[in-house]
Amino acid sequence: MTRTLPSTASVPEAVEGAKLHAPAAARNAAAITAFLAQVAPAQGTALEIASGTGQHVSAFAAAMPRLRWHPTDIDPDRRRSIDAYVADARLDNVAPALHLDATQAGWSTNHGPKDMILLINLLHLIGKNEALTLIAEAAQALASGGVLVLYGPFSREGVLTSDGDKWFDAQLRRADPAIAYKDTFDMTGWLENAGLRVDAPHEMPANNLAFVARKPAP
């Protein structure tokens, strides 16, 4: 999963030891944590795809201590940052960060079953076929009754609803024609085709949305 991103895309900065800091993660961590607390299972295992710096998973794990968190990322510097945040917060419910490219077929075999799978701010940075693979594999990796949460910016039934979204989507397409905002209509269909039951998208701050999809019990 290697894509050309615009120069305006968020890049984390080194701050202390192995830690990286992403301003966007600092801004949205509280809102995402509060939302997850409403939809996450009370206990079990949670896999985070493309965990980034570790700012998010350390906040989630502190707020939901009965879940065992499994962060992942393709970038070794970010995996080191994740482990540094977890160690600094003295969290005992977070596993060491692992390498995972969730756009490649077959990963569900080694990463399931999980009671929750979480993906934040990645779908607009990958192509359609990569997104379809990710969703299909996540559905396979979910335990029966498990929940998949997908957060980020989306177009809404073909419409980009803010000037900022129009500008950023155009920047993405200019940098790599294969990537762009995914649409709510398509997302619902892709999740349903993967065998999941999908809630209506949840409104989140800064014009983002959260999709919640559940794997039916047999």
Foldseek 3Di string as FASTA:
>chain_A
DDFFAFPPDWDWDDDDDLATDTPVCVVCLVQVLVVCVVVADLAWEEEEEQCFRQSNVCSNCVSRVRYQYAYEHQDPSSLSRNVVSCVVSVRPRYDRYYYDDLLDADPLVPQAATQEYEYEAPQQQAAPSSVLSNLLSNLSRYDAFHKYKYKDAAAEPPHDDDPVLVVNQVSGCVRPVRGGHHYQVVVCVSNVVSQWAWDRWDATPPRMTMIMTTHHHD
